[in-house]
Amino acid sequence: MKLVFMQTLVEKVQEAKTIGEVSLMNWALNDFGDSVINGINSLITTAQKIAPAAFAICCIGAGFLFFAGRKGADTAKPWILYLIIGMAFIFGAISFADFAKTSTQF
């Protein structure tokens, strides 16, 4: 009795996994999935257009803080680090997305 129950449970889990994989594949191939992906790419592209100006403004602010004394320099150092990390994320996002799209197969 217990063995039969476990077999049916395993079969149901495998069936659910198959349905989930097919649903995910269909979602990625249909228009809705494409529109979500295109929307995210559009958002990232817009952020990449705005980012250099925001980066320059924040660098100017960090520069003023850096030369404002010891306390200002202590505040400016993390700003500069976070600016560099943020720019790497923003400009690396499209490259990472393209890499993930071409290297993964369903």
PDB file of N, CA and C in Angstrom:
ATOM      1  N   MET A   1       0.829  -1.192   0.000  1.00  0.00           N
ATOM      2  CA  MET A   1       0.000   0.000   0.000  1.00  0.00           C
ATOM      3  C   MET A   1       0.873   1.255   0.000  1.00  0.00           C
ATOM      4  N   LYS A   2       1.888   1.272   0.884  1.00  0.00           N
ATOM      5  CA  LYS A   2       2.752   2.434   0.979  1.00  0.00           C
ATOM      6  C   LYS A   2       3.561   2.611  -0.305  1.00  0.00           C
ATOM      7  N   LEU A   3       4.026   1.516  -0.892  1.00  0.00           N
ATOM      8  CA  LEU A   3       4.801   1.569  -2.117  1.00  0.00           C
ATOM      9  C   LEU A   3       3.965   2.111  -3.268  1.00  0.00           C
ATOM     10  N   VAL A   4       2.730   1.695  -3.370  1.00  0.00           N
ATOM     11  CA  VAL A   4       1.833   2.184  -4.421  1.00  0.00           C
ATOM     12  C   VAL A   4       1.596   3.681  -4.255  1.00  0.00           C
ATOM     13  N   PHE A   5       1.401   4.121  -3.013  1.00  0.00           N
ATOM     14  CA  PHE A   5       1.189   5.542  -2.747  1.00  0.00           C
ATOM     15  C   PHE A   5       2.410   6.356  -3.164  1.00  0.00           C
ATOM     16  N   MET A   6       3.618   5.850  -2.851  1.00  0.00           N
ATOM     17  CA  MET A   6       4.845   6.561  -3.206  1.00  0.00           C
ATOM     18  C   MET A   6       5.011   6.629  -4.718  1.00  0.00           C
ATOM     19  N   GLN A   7       4.668   5.553  -5.424  1.00  0.00           N
ATOM     20  CA  GLN A   7       4.782   5.561  -6.880  1.00  0.00           C
ATOM     21  C   GLN A   7       3.836   6.585  -7.490  1.00  0.00           C
ATOM     22  N   THR A   8       2.611   6.630  -7.003  1.00  0.00           N
ATOM     23  CA  THR A   8       1.673   7.609  -7.554  1.00  0.00           C
ATOM     24  C   THR A   8       2.100   9.026  -7.195  1.00  0.00           C
ATOM     25  N   LEU A   9       2.676   9.206  -6.024  1.00  0.00           N
ATOM     26  CA  LEU A   9       3.162  10.526  -5.634  1.00  0.00           C
ATOM     27  C   LEU A   9       4.305  10.962  -6.544  1.00  0.00           C
ATOM     28  N   VAL A  10       5.227  10.045  -6.807  1.00  0.00           N
ATOM     29  CA  VAL A  10       6.350  10.346  -7.696  1.00  0.00           C
ATOM     30  C   VAL A  10       5.842  10.659  -9.101  1.00  0.00           C
ATOM     31  N   GLU A  11       4.885   9.896  -9.585  1.00  0.00           N
ATOM     32  CA  GLU A  11       4.317  10.152 -10.911  1.00  0.00           C
ATOM     33  C   GLU A  11       3.661  11.527 -10.975  1.00  0.00           C
ATOM     34  N   LYS A  12       2.937  11.891  -9.924  1.00  0.00           N
ATOM     35  CA  LYS A  12       2.273  13.193  -9.908  1.00  0.00           C
ATOM     36  C   LYS A  12       3.290  14.331  -9.877  1.00  0.00           C
ATOM     37  N   VAL A  13       4.374  14.151  -9.140  1.00  0.00           N
ATOM     38  CA  VAL A  13       5.424  15.173  -9.095  1.00  0.00           C
ATOM     39  C   VAL A  13       6.079  15.307 -10.464  1.00  0.00           C
ATOM     40  N   GLN A  14       6.367  14.188 -11.123  1.00  0.00           N
ATOM     41  CA  GLN A  14       6.962  14.238 -12.453  1.00  0.00           C
ATOM     42  C   GLN A  14       6.017  14.889 -13.456  1.00  0.00           C
ATOM     43  N   GLU A  15       4.734  14.593 -13.344  1.00  0.00           N
ATOM     44  CA  GLU A  15       3.744  15.202 -14.229  1.00  0.00           C
ATOM     45  C   GLU A  15       3.685  16.712 -14.004  1.00  0.00           C
ATOM     46  N   ALA A  16       3.702  17.136 -12.752  1.00  0.00           N
ATOM     47  CA  ALA A  16       3.669  18.568 -12.442  1.00  0.00           C
ATOM     48  C   ALA A  16       4.927  19.256 -12.959  1.00  0.00           C
ATOM     49  N   LYS A  17       6.067  18.584 -12.833  1.00  0.00           N
ATOM     50  CA  LYS A  17       7.322  19.147 -13.333  1.00  0.00           C
ATOM     51  C   LYS A  17       7.254  19.320 -14.845  1.00  0.00           C
ATOM     52  N   THR A  18       6.748  18.327 -15.543  1.00  0.00           N
ATOM     53  CA  THR A  18       6.614  18.407 -16.997  1.00  0.00           C
ATOM     54  C   THR A  18       5.671  19.531 -17.396  1.00  0.00           C
ATOM     55  N   ILE A  19       4.542  19.637 -16.713  1.00  0.00           N
ATOM     56  CA  ILE A  19       3.586  20.712 -17.012  1.00  0.00           C
ATOM     57  C   ILE A  19       4.233  22.065 -16.769  1.00  0.00           C
ATOM     58  N   GLY A  20       4.994  22.188 -15.684  1.00  0.00           N
ATOM     59  CA  GLY A  20       5.677  23.446 -15.376  1.00  0.00           C
ATOM     60  C   GLY A  20       6.700  23.807 -16.428  1.00  0.00           C
ATOM     61  N   GLU A  21       7.466  22.829 -16.890  1.00  0.00           N
ATOM     62  CA  GLU A  21       8.468  23.093 -17.921  1.00  0.00           C
ATOM     63  C   GLU A  21       7.808  23.521 -19.223  1.00  0.00           C
ATOM     64  N   VAL A  22       6.744  22.850 -19.605  1.00  0.00           N
ATOM     65  CA  VAL A  22       6.031  23.202 -20.836  1.00  0.00           C
ATOM     66  C   VAL A  22       5.418  24.592 -20.713  1.00  0.00           C
ATOM     67  N   SER A  23       4.839  24.892 -19.556  1.00  0.00           N
ATOM     68  CA  SER A  23       4.240  26.212 -19.357  1.00  0.00           C
ATOM     69  C   SER A  23       5.289  27.302 -19.440  1.00  0.00           C
ATOM     70  N   LEU A  24       6.452  27.072 -18.832  1.00  0.00           N
ATOM     71  CA  LEU A  24       7.522  28.055 -18.877  1.00  0.00           C
ATOM     72  C   LEU A  24       8.023  28.246 -20.298  1.00  0.00           C
ATOM     73  N   MET A  25       8.156  27.150 -21.039  1.00  0.00           N
ATOM     74  CA  MET A  25       8.611  27.246 -22.411  1.00  0.00           C
ATOM     75  C   MET A  25       7.585  27.993 -23.262  1.00  0.00           C
ATOM     76  N   ASN A  26       6.313  27.700 -23.086  1.00  0.00           N
ATOM     77  CA  ASN A  26       5.272  28.401 -23.838  1.00  0.00           C
ATOM     78  C   ASN A  26       5.231  29.876 -23.483  1.00  0.00           C
ATOM     79  N   TRP A  27       5.420  30.203 -22.199  1.00  0.00           N
ATOM     80  CA  TRP A  27       5.422  31.601 -21.781  1.00  0.00           C
ATOM     81  C   TRP A  27       6.571  32.348 -22.439  1.00  0.00           C
ATOM     82  N   ALA A  28       7.739  31.702 -22.510  1.00  0.00           N
ATOM     83  CA  ALA A  28       8.899  32.362 -23.100  1.00  0.00           C
ATOM     84  C   ALA A  28       8.734  32.540 -24.602  1.00  0.00           C
ATOM     85  N   LEU A  29       7.955  31.677 -25.239  1.00  0.00           N
ATOM     86  CA  LEU A  29       7.815  31.743 -26.689  1.00  0.00           C
ATOM     87  C   LEU A  29       6.621  32.564 -27.152  1.00  0.00           C
ATOM     88  N   ASN A  30       5.690  32.883 -26.267  1.00  0.00           N
ATOM     89  CA  ASN A  30       4.509  33.607 -26.727  1.00  0.00           C
ATOM     90  C   ASN A  30       4.733  35.114 -26.707  1.00  0.00           C
ATOM     91  N   ASP A  31       3.744  35.856 -27.179  1.00  0.00           N
ATOM     92  CA  ASP A  31       3.877  37.302 -27.292  1.00  0.00           C
ATOM     93  C   ASP A  31       3.996  37.976 -25.935  1.00  0.00           C
ATOM     94  N   PHE A  32       3.288  37.462 -24.935  1.00  0.00           N
ATOM     95  CA  PHE A  32       3.360  38.082 -23.611  1.00  0.00           C
ATOM     96  C   PHE A  32       4.773  37.992 -23.051  1.00  0.00           C
ATOM     97  N   GLY A  33       5.379  36.835 -23.166  1.00  0.00           N
ATOM     98  CA  GLY A  33       6.751  36.669 -22.686  1.00  0.00           C
ATOM     99  C   GLY A  33       7.707  37.581 -23.418  1.00  0.00           C
ATOM    100  N   ASP A  34       7.540  37.693 -24.732  1.00  0.00           N
ATOM    101  CA  ASP A  34       8.383  38.590 -25.513  1.00  0.00           C
ATOM    102  C   ASP A  34       8.156  40.037 -25.120  1.00  0.00           C
ATOM    103  N   SER A  35       6.905  40.418 -24.872  1.00  0.00           N
ATOM    104  CA  SER A  35       6.644  41.809 -24.521  1.00  0.00           C
ATOM    105  C   SER A  35       7.220  42.144 -23.148  1.00  0.00           C
ATOM    106  N   VAL A  36       7.206  41.198 -22.223  1.00  0.00           N
ATOM    107  CA  VAL A  36       7.817  41.441 -20.911  1.00  0.00           C
ATOM    108  C   VAL A  36       9.323  41.609 -21.066  1.00  0.00           C
ATOM    109  N   ILE A  37       9.939  40.730 -21.830  1.00  0.00           N
ATOM    110  CA  ILE A  37      11.380  40.815 -22.048  1.00  0.00           C
ATOM    111  C   ILE A  37      11.730  42.109 -22.765  1.00  0.00           C
ATOM    112  N   ASN A  38      10.969  42.471 -23.790  1.00  0.00           N
ATOM    113  CA  ASN A  38      11.226  43.722 -24.501  1.00  0.00           C
ATOM    114  C   ASN A  38      11.008  44.929 -23.598  1.00  0.00           C
ATOM    115  N   GLY A  39      10.013  44.859 -22.721  1.00  0.00           N
ATOM    116  CA  GLY A  39       9.774  45.952 -21.779  1.00  0.00           C
ATOM    117  C   GLY A  39      10.930  46.132 -20.814  1.00  0.00           C
ATOM    118  N   ILE A  40      11.465  45.032 -20.321  1.00  0.00           N
ATOM    119  CA  ILE A  40      12.613  45.109 -19.418  1.00  0.00           C
ATOM    120  C   ILE A  40      13.824  45.656 -20.157  1.00  0.00           C
ATOM    121  N   ASN A  41      14.046  45.201 -21.390  1.00  0.00           N
ATOM    122  CA  ASN A  41      15.158  45.732 -22.180  1.00  0.00           C
ATOM    123  C   ASN A  41      14.993  47.221 -22.428  1.00  0.00           C
ATOM    124  N   SER A  42      13.769  47.664 -22.684  1.00  0.00           N
ATOM    125  CA  SER A  42      13.507  49.083 -22.891  1.00  0.00           C
ATOM    126  C   SER A  42      13.797  49.881 -21.623  1.00  0.00           C
ATOM    127  N   LEU A  43      13.401  49.347 -20.479  1.00  0.00           N
ATOM    128  CA  LEU A  43      13.667  50.007 -19.201  1.00  0.00           C
ATOM    129  C   LEU A  43      15.169  50.121 -18.954  1.00  0.00           C
ATOM    130  N   ILE A  44      15.901  49.067 -19.228  1.00  0.00           N
ATOM    131  CA  ILE A  44      17.353  49.084 -19.029  1.00  0.00           C
ATOM    132  C   ILE A  44      18.006  50.065 -19.991  1.00  0.00           C
ATOM    133  N   THR A  45      17.545  50.104 -21.236  1.00  0.00           N
ATOM    134  CA  THR A  45      18.096  51.042 -22.212  1.00  0.00           C
ATOM    135  C   THR A  45      17.858  52.480 -21.777  1.00  0.00           C
ATOM    136  N   THR A  46      16.667  52.766 -21.259  1.00  0.00           N
ATOM    137  CA  THR A  46      16.374  54.111 -20.759  1.00  0.00           C
ATOM    138  C   THR A  46      17.276  54.448 -19.578  1.00  0.00           C
ATOM    139  N   ALA A  47      17.473  53.502 -18.680  1.00  0.00           N
ATOM    140  CA  ALA A  47      18.364  53.732 -17.537  1.00  0.00           C
ATOM    141  C   ALA A  47      19.790  53.989 -18.002  1.00  0.00           C
ATOM    142  N   GLN A  48      20.202  53.305 -19.076  1.00  0.00           N
ATOM    143  CA  GLN A  48      21.545  53.517 -19.598  1.00  0.00           C
ATOM    144  C   GLN A  48      21.698  54.899 -20.227  1.00  0.00           C
ATOM    145  N   LYS A  49      20.619  55.467 -20.729  1.00  0.00           N
ATOM    146  CA  LYS A  49      20.686  56.815 -21.292  1.00  0.00           C
ATOM    147  C   LYS A  49      20.759  57.872 -20.194  1.00  0.00           C
ATOM    148  N   ILE A  50      20.080  57.624 -19.078  1.00  0.00           N
ATOM    149  CA  ILE A  50      20.038  58.586 -17.980  1.00  0.00           C
ATOM    150  C   ILE A  50      21.262  58.450 -17.076  1.00  0.00           C
ATOM    151  N   ALA A  51      21.825  57.270 -16.985  1.00  0.00           N
ATOM    152  CA  ALA A  51      22.881  56.966 -16.022  1.00  0.00           C
ATOM    153  C   ALA A  51      24.126  57.846 -16.139  1.00  0.00           C
ATOM    154  N   PRO A  52      24.648  58.141 -17.332  1.00  0.00           N
ATOM    155  CA  PRO A  52      25.864  58.970 -17.369  1.00  0.00           C
ATOM    156  C   PRO A  52      25.672  60.360 -16.758  1.00  0.00           C
ATOM    157  N   ALA A  53      24.520  60.973 -17.003  1.00  0.00           N
ATOM    158  CA  ALA A  53      24.268  62.291 -16.416  1.00  0.00           C
ATOM    159  C   ALA A  53      24.147  62.187 -14.898  1.00  0.00           C
ATOM    160  N   ALA A  54      23.431  61.187 -14.419  1.00  0.00           N
ATOM    161  CA  ALA A  54      23.300  60.991 -12.975  1.00  0.00           C
ATOM    162  C   ALA A  54      24.654  60.660 -12.350  1.00  0.00           C
ATOM    163  N   PHE A  55      25.452  59.877 -13.054  1.00  0.00           N
ATOM    164  CA  PHE A  55      26.793  59.536 -12.577  1.00  0.00           C
ATOM    165  C   PHE A  55      27.647  60.789 -12.448  1.00  0.00           C
ATOM    166  N   ALA A  56      27.600  61.658 -13.456  1.00  0.00           N
ATOM    167  CA  ALA A  56      28.392  62.892 -13.421  1.00  0.00           C
ATOM    168  C   ALA A  56      27.956  63.794 -12.268  1.00  0.00           C
ATOM    169  N   ILE A  57      26.654  63.944 -12.079  1.00  0.00           N
ATOM    170  CA  ILE A  57      26.145  64.788 -10.991  1.00  0.00           C
ATOM    171  C   ILE A  57      26.576  64.225  -9.635  1.00  0.00           C
ATOM    172  N   CYS A  58      26.469  62.926  -9.473  1.00  0.00           N
ATOM    173  CA  CYS A  58      26.859  62.311  -8.199  1.00  0.00           C
ATOM    174  C   CYS A  58      28.370  62.388  -7.979  1.00  0.00           C
ATOM    175  N   CYS A  59      29.152  62.284  -9.056  1.00  0.00           N
ATOM    176  CA  CYS A  59      30.607  62.424  -8.919  1.00  0.00           C
ATOM    177  C   CYS A  59      30.976  63.842  -8.494  1.00  0.00           C
ATOM    178  N   ILE A  60      30.285  64.832  -9.048  1.00  0.00           N
ATOM    179  CA  ILE A  60      30.522  66.221  -8.640  1.00  0.00           C
ATOM    180  C   ILE A  60      30.178  66.389  -7.162  1.00  0.00           C
ATOM    181  N   GLY A  61      29.039  65.831  -6.754  1.00  0.00           N
ATOM    182  CA  GLY A  61      28.658  65.893  -5.340  1.00  0.00           C
ATOM    183  C   GLY A  61      29.670  65.197  -4.445  1.00  0.00           C
ATOM    184  N   ALA A  62      30.153  64.035  -4.866  1.00  0.00           N
ATOM    185  CA  ALA A  62      31.159  63.311  -4.085  1.00  0.00           C
ATOM    186  C   ALA A  62      32.465  64.095  -4.040  1.00  0.00           C
ATOM    187  N   GLY A  63      32.799  64.773  -5.142  1.00  0.00           N
ATOM    188  CA  GLY A  63      34.006  65.603  -5.160  1.00  0.00           C
ATOM    189  C   GLY A  63      33.921  66.746  -4.166  1.00  0.00           C
ATOM    190  N   PHE A  64      32.775  67.423  -4.123  1.00  0.00           N
ATOM    191  CA  PHE A  64      32.592  68.488  -3.136  1.00  0.00           C
ATOM    192  C   PHE A  64      32.703  67.937  -1.715  1.00  0.00           C
ATOM    193  N   LEU A  65      32.088  66.789  -1.481  1.00  0.00           N
ATOM    194  CA  LEU A  65      32.176  66.185  -0.148  1.00  0.00           C
ATOM    195  C   LEU A  65      33.613  65.785   0.187  1.00  0.00           C
ATOM    196  N   PHE A  66      34.314  65.269  -0.810  1.00  0.00           N
ATOM    197  CA  PHE A  66      35.675  64.789  -0.594  1.00  0.00           C
ATOM    198  C   PHE A  66      36.595  65.915  -0.138  1.00  0.00           C
ATOM    199  N   PHE A  67      36.401  67.095  -0.713  1.00  0.00           N
ATOM    200  CA  PHE A  67      37.249  68.230  -0.358  1.00  0.00           C
ATOM    201  C   PHE A  67      36.666  69.080   0.762  1.00  0.00           C
ATOM    202  N   ALA A  68      35.608  68.622   1.402  1.00  0.00           N
ATOM    203  CA  ALA A  68      34.961  69.385   2.467  1.00  0.00           C
ATOM    204  C   ALA A  68      35.517  69.049   3.846  1.00  0.00           C
ATOM    205  N   GLY A  69      36.537  68.260   3.904  1.00  0.00           N
ATOM    206  CA  GLY A  69      37.111  67.914   5.200  1.00  0.00           C
ATOM    207  C   GLY A  69      37.099  66.415   5.419  1.00  0.00           C
ATOM    208  N   ARG A  70      37.583  66.026   6.588  1.00  0.00           N
ATOM    209  CA  ARG A  70      37.719  64.603   6.890  1.00  0.00           C
ATOM    210  C   ARG A  70      36.370  63.891   6.921  1.00  0.00           C
ATOM    211  N   LYS A  71      35.381  64.506   7.544  1.00  0.00           N
ATOM    212  CA  LYS A  71      34.060  63.877   7.624  1.00  0.00           C
ATOM    213  C   LYS A  71      33.432  63.761   6.233  1.00  0.00           C
ATOM    214  N   GLY A  72      33.607  64.787   5.410  1.00  0.00           N
ATOM    215  CA  GLY A  72      33.091  64.738   4.047  1.00  0.00           C
ATOM    216  C   GLY A  72      33.781  63.672   3.214  1.00  0.00           C
ATOM    217  N   ALA A  73      35.096  63.522   3.409  1.00  0.00           N
ATOM    218  CA  ALA A  73      35.841  62.494   2.675  1.00  0.00           C
ATOM    219  C   ALA A  73      35.377  61.099   3.082  1.00  0.00           C
ATOM    220  N   ASP A  74      35.100  60.933   4.372  1.00  0.00           N
ATOM    221  CA  ASP A  74      34.595  59.631   4.826  1.00  0.00           C
ATOM    222  C   ASP A  74      33.227  59.323   4.230  1.00  0.00           C
ATOM    223  N   THR A  75      32.445  60.354   3.972  1.00  0.00           N
ATOM    224  CA  THR A  75      31.138  60.162   3.338  1.00  0.00           C
ATOM    225  C   THR A  75      31.287  59.924   1.840  1.00  0.00           C
ATOM    226  N   ALA A  76      32.257  60.597   1.208  1.00  0.00           N
ATOM    227  CA  ALA A  76      32.405  60.529  -0.247  1.00  0.00           C
ATOM    228  C   ALA A  76      32.993  59.206  -0.725  1.00  0.00           C
ATOM    229  N   LYS A  77      33.842  58.581   0.059  1.00  0.00           N
ATOM    230  CA  LYS A  77      34.488  57.333  -0.379  1.00  0.00           C
ATOM    231  C   LYS A  77      33.475  56.234  -0.701  1.00  0.00           C
ATOM    232  N   PRO A  78      32.492  55.965   0.164  1.00  0.00           N
ATOM    233  CA  PRO A  78      31.491  54.955  -0.218  1.00  0.00           C
ATOM    234  C   PRO A  78      30.648  55.384  -1.411  1.00  0.00           C
ATOM    235  N   TRP A  79      30.397  56.692  -1.546  1.00  0.00           N
ATOM    236  CA  TRP A  79      29.636  57.175  -2.701  1.00  0.00           C
ATOM    237  C   TRP A  79      30.335  56.768  -3.990  1.00  0.00           C
ATOM    238  N   ILE A  80      31.628  57.013  -4.047  1.00  0.00           N
ATOM    239  CA  ILE A  80      32.381  56.715  -5.273  1.00  0.00           C
ATOM    240  C   ILE A  80      32.355  55.215  -5.556  1.00  0.00           C
ATOM    241  N   LEU A  81      32.546  54.409  -4.526  1.00  0.00           N
ATOM    242  CA  LEU A  81      32.492  52.954  -4.704  1.00  0.00           C
ATOM    243  C   LEU A  81      31.123  52.515  -5.217  1.00  0.00           C
ATOM    244  N   TYR A  82      30.065  53.033  -4.611  1.00  0.00           N
ATOM    245  CA  TYR A  82      28.711  52.655  -5.020  1.00  0.00           C
ATOM    246  C   TYR A  82      28.389  53.159  -6.423  1.00  0.00           C
ATOM    247  N   LEU A  83      28.919  54.309  -6.790  1.00  0.00           N
ATOM    248  CA  LEU A  83      28.710  54.809  -8.151  1.00  0.00           C
ATOM    249  C   LEU A  83      29.341  53.873  -9.178  1.00  0.00           C
ATOM    250  N   ILE A  84      30.544  53.431  -8.903  1.00  0.00           N
ATOM    251  CA  ILE A  84      31.228  52.526  -9.837  1.00  0.00           C
ATOM    252  C   ILE A  84      30.482  51.195  -9.935  1.00  0.00           C
ATOM    253  N   ILE A  85      30.059  50.659  -8.804  1.00  0.00           N
ATOM    254  CA  ILE A  85      29.307  49.395  -8.808  1.00  0.00           C
ATOM    255  C   ILE A  85      27.983  49.565  -9.547  1.00  0.00           C
ATOM    256  N   GLY A  86      27.293  50.665  -9.302  1.00  0.00           N
ATOM    257  CA  GLY A  86      26.018  50.924  -9.973  1.00  0.00           C
ATOM    258  C   GLY A  86      26.168  51.038 -11.477  1.00  0.00           C
ATOM    259  N   MET A  87      27.202  51.734 -11.918  1.00  0.00           N
ATOM    260  CA  MET A  87      27.421  51.862 -13.363  1.00  0.00           C
ATOM    261  C   MET A  87      27.751  50.505 -13.983  1.00  0.00           C
ATOM    262  N   ALA A  88      28.511  49.688 -13.269  1.00  0.00           N
ATOM    263  CA  ALA A  88      28.815  48.350 -13.787  1.00  0.00           C
ATOM    264  C   ALA A  88      27.541  47.528 -13.932  1.00  0.00           C
ATOM    265  N   PHE A  89      26.632  47.628 -12.958  1.00  0.00           N
ATOM    266  CA  PHE A  89      25.357  46.912 -13.054  1.00  0.00           C
ATOM    267  C   PHE A  89      24.522  47.421 -14.217  1.00  0.00           C
ATOM    268  N   ILE A  90      24.428  48.727 -14.354  1.00  0.00           N
ATOM    269  CA  ILE A  90      23.567  49.299 -15.394  1.00  0.00           C
ATOM    270  C   ILE A  90      24.086  48.962 -16.782  1.00  0.00           C
ATOM    271  N   PHE A  91      25.395  49.129 -16.996  1.00  0.00           N
ATOM    272  CA  PHE A  91      25.920  48.875 -18.330  1.00  0.00           C
ATOM    273  C   PHE A  91      26.203  47.401 -18.589  1.00  0.00           C
ATOM    274  N   GLY A  92      26.270  46.597 -17.548  1.00  0.00           N
ATOM    275  CA  GLY A  92      26.456  45.167 -17.734  1.00  0.00           C
ATOM    276  C   GLY A  92      25.155  44.394 -17.865  1.00  0.00           C
ATOM    277  N   ALA A  93      24.031  45.040 -17.588  1.00  0.00           N
ATOM    278  CA  ALA A  93      22.744  44.339 -17.574  1.00  0.00           C
ATOM    279  C   ALA A  93      22.358  43.810 -18.955  1.00  0.00           C
ATOM    280  N   ILE A  94      22.473  44.637 -19.973  1.00  0.00           N
ATOM    281  CA  ILE A  94      22.112  44.200 -21.330  1.00  0.00           C
ATOM    282  C   ILE A  94      23.051  43.089 -21.791  1.00  0.00           C
ATOM    283  N   SER A  95      24.337  43.236 -21.524  1.00  0.00           N
ATOM    284  CA  SER A  95      25.287  42.199 -21.927  1.00  0.00           C
ATOM    285  C   SER A  95      24.980  40.878 -21.234  1.00  0.00           C
ATOM    286  N   PHE A  96      24.673  40.944 -19.944  1.00  0.00           N
ATOM    287  CA  PHE A  96      24.334  39.729 -19.211  1.00  0.00           C
ATOM    288  C   PHE A  96      23.043  39.120 -19.740  1.00  0.00           C
ATOM    289  N   ALA A  97      22.056  39.954 -20.037  1.00  0.00           N
ATOM    290  CA  ALA A  97      20.781  39.447 -20.553  1.00  0.00           C
ATOM    291  C   ALA A  97      20.971  38.787 -21.912  1.00  0.00           C
ATOM    292  N   ASP A  98      21.769  39.398 -22.782  1.00  0.00           N
ATOM    293  CA  ASP A  98      22.039  38.795 -24.089  1.00  0.00           C
ATOM    294  C   ASP A  98      22.785  37.471 -23.935  1.00  0.00           C
ATOM    295  N   PHE A  99      23.749  37.432 -23.023  1.00  0.00           N
ATOM    296  CA  PHE A  99      24.488  36.196 -22.778  1.00  0.00           C
ATOM    297  C   PHE A  99      23.559  35.099 -22.271  1.00  0.00           C
ATOM    298  N   ALA A 100      22.702  35.448 -21.313  1.00  0.00           N
ATOM    299  CA  ALA A 100      21.777  34.459 -20.751  1.00  0.00           C
ATOM    300  C   ALA A 100      20.787  33.978 -21.801  1.00  0.00           C
ATOM    301  N   LYS A 101      20.341  34.889 -22.657  1.00  0.00           N
ATOM    302  CA  LYS A 101      19.365  34.520 -23.688  1.00  0.00           C
ATOM    303  C   LYS A 101      19.974  33.570 -24.712  1.00  0.00           C
ATOM    304  N   THR A 102      21.231  33.801 -25.089  1.00  0.00           N
ATOM    305  CA  THR A 102      21.851  32.957 -26.110  1.00  0.00           C
ATOM    306  C   THR A 102      22.400  31.652 -25.545  1.00  0.00           C
ATOM    307  N   SER A 103      22.764  31.635 -24.269  1.00  0.00           N
ATOM    308  CA  SER A 103      23.398  30.430 -23.733  1.00  0.00           C
ATOM    309  C   SER A 103      22.419  29.463 -23.077  1.00  0.00           C
ATOM    310  N   THR A 104      21.196  29.895 -22.795  1.00  0.00           N
ATOM    311  CA  THR A 104      20.226  28.992 -22.178  1.00  0.00           C
ATOM    312  C   THR A 104      19.251  28.492 -23.224  1.00  0.00           C
ATOM    313  N   GLN A 105      18.927  27.237 -23.121  1.00  0.00           N
ATOM    314  CA  GLN A 105      17.974  26.629 -24.042  1.00  0.00           C
ATOM    315  C   GLN A 105      16.927  25.886 -23.229  1.00  0.00           C
ATOM    316  N   PHE A 106      15.683  25.992 -23.625  1.00  0.00           N
ATOM    317  CA  PHE A 106      14.606  25.259 -22.961  1.00  0.00           C
ATOM    318  C   PHE A 106      14.297  24.021 -23.748  1.00  0.00           C
TER     319      PHE A 106
END
